[in-house]
Amino acid sequence: MLEAIAVILSLAFIGWLIWRAAKKKPITAHIAMYGLCCGASIFTIAFFMTMDITKMAKIVACIVIGIILIFVAARWQQRAKSG
């Protein structure tokens, strides 16, 4: 079941990239970083959902990891603009 979720989310992301290409929107550096974060989050969610811990702990862990990933991406983008 969890592998199916990871595959579906990966296919949705690939579909989003194809949709962007069909609209002829450029792939910039921050879009590439966004894509890497999306891919990492898909497999992080699948990994955490396979662990044998309570459901609430899984949800909290996913939220915390998401916050950390957003913070790191924002810092990288801020440094790229100022540097």
Protein backbone atom coordinates (compact mmCIF):
# COMPACT_ATOMS: atom_id res chain seq x y z
CA MET A 1 0.00 0.00 0.00
CA LEU A 2 2.71 2.49 0.97
CA GLU A 3 4.75 1.69 -2.11
CA ALA A 4 1.67 2.48 -4.17
CA ILE A 5 1.36 5.88 -2.47
CA ALA A 6 5.02 6.66 -3.22
CA VAL A 7 4.58 5.61 -6.85
CA ILE A 8 1.38 7.63 -7.26
CA LEU A 9 2.96 10.74 -5.74
CA SER A 10 6.05 10.30 -7.93
CA LEU A 11 3.87 9.97 -11.02
CA ALA A 12 1.92 13.07 -10.01
CA PHE A 13 5.18 14.99 -9.73
CA ILE A 14 6.34 13.76 -13.13
CA GLY A 15 2.96 14.76 -14.53
CA TRP A 16 3.42 18.24 -13.06
CA LEU A 17 6.81 18.53 -14.79
CA ILE A 18 5.29 17.41 -18.09
CA TRP A 19 2.47 19.93 -17.64
CA ARG A 20 5.04 22.70 -17.06
CA ALA A 21 6.90 21.65 -20.20
CA ALA A 22 3.66 21.64 -22.22
CA LYS A 23 2.92 25.19 -21.04
CA LYS A 24 6.51 26.09 -22.10
CA LYS A 25 7.40 27.48 -18.68
CA PRO A 26 11.13 27.57 -17.97
CA ILE A 27 12.70 25.33 -15.36
CA THR A 28 14.68 27.71 -13.14
CA ALA A 29 16.99 26.92 -10.23
CA HIS A 30 14.31 27.35 -7.58
CA ILE A 31 11.94 25.06 -9.53
CA ALA A 32 14.70 22.43 -9.63
CA MET A 33 15.20 22.77 -5.86
CA TYR A 34 11.43 22.55 -5.37
CA GLY A 35 11.45 19.36 -7.40
CA LEU A 36 14.23 17.84 -5.32
CA CYS A 37 12.35 18.73 -2.13
CA CYS A 38 9.16 17.17 -3.48
CA GLY A 39 10.97 13.97 -4.41
CA ALA A 40 12.65 13.77 -1.03
CA SER A 41 9.40 14.41 0.80
CA ILE A 42 7.57 11.69 -1.16
CA PHE A 43 10.08 9.05 -0.14
CA THR A 44 10.41 10.44 3.39
CA ILE A 45 6.67 10.09 3.88
CA ALA A 46 6.77 6.52 2.55
CA PHE A 47 9.70 5.71 4.87
CA PHE A 48 8.03 7.12 7.97
CA MET A 49 4.76 5.39 7.25
CA THR A 50 6.51 2.00 7.20
CA MET A 51 8.00 2.49 10.68
CA ASP A 52 6.38 0.70 13.58
CA ILE A 53 5.42 3.70 15.73
CA THR A 54 2.09 5.20 16.60
CA LYS A 55 0.18 7.15 14.02
CA MET A 56 0.41 10.44 15.91
CA ALA A 57 4.20 10.19 16.10
CA LYS A 58 4.32 9.57 12.35
CA ILE A 59 2.23 12.65 11.66
CA VAL A 60 4.31 14.85 13.97
CA ALA A 61 7.55 13.57 12.44
CA CYS A 62 6.31 14.31 8.90
CA ILE A 63 5.25 17.81 9.89
CA VAL A 64 8.58 18.56 11.57
CA ILE A 65 10.55 17.25 8.59
CA GLY A 66 8.40 19.34 6.27
CA ILE A 67 9.07 22.46 8.33
CA ILE A 68 12.80 21.77 8.28
CA LEU A 69 12.82 21.22 4.50
CA ILE A 70 10.88 24.44 3.91
CA PHE A 71 13.26 26.38 6.18
CA VAL A 72 16.35 24.98 4.45
CA ALA A 73 14.96 25.73 0.98
CA ALA A 74 14.05 29.29 2.02
CA ARG A 75 17.55 29.89 3.43
CA TRP A 76 19.17 28.59 0.23
CA GLN A 77 16.95 30.80 -1.89
CA GLN A 78 17.66 33.83 0.32
CA ARG A 79 21.43 33.24 0.09
CA ALA A 80 21.22 32.82 -3.69
CA LYS A 81 19.45 36.17 -4.04
CA SER A 82 21.86 38.08 -1.79
CA GLY A 83 25.04 36.35 -2.96
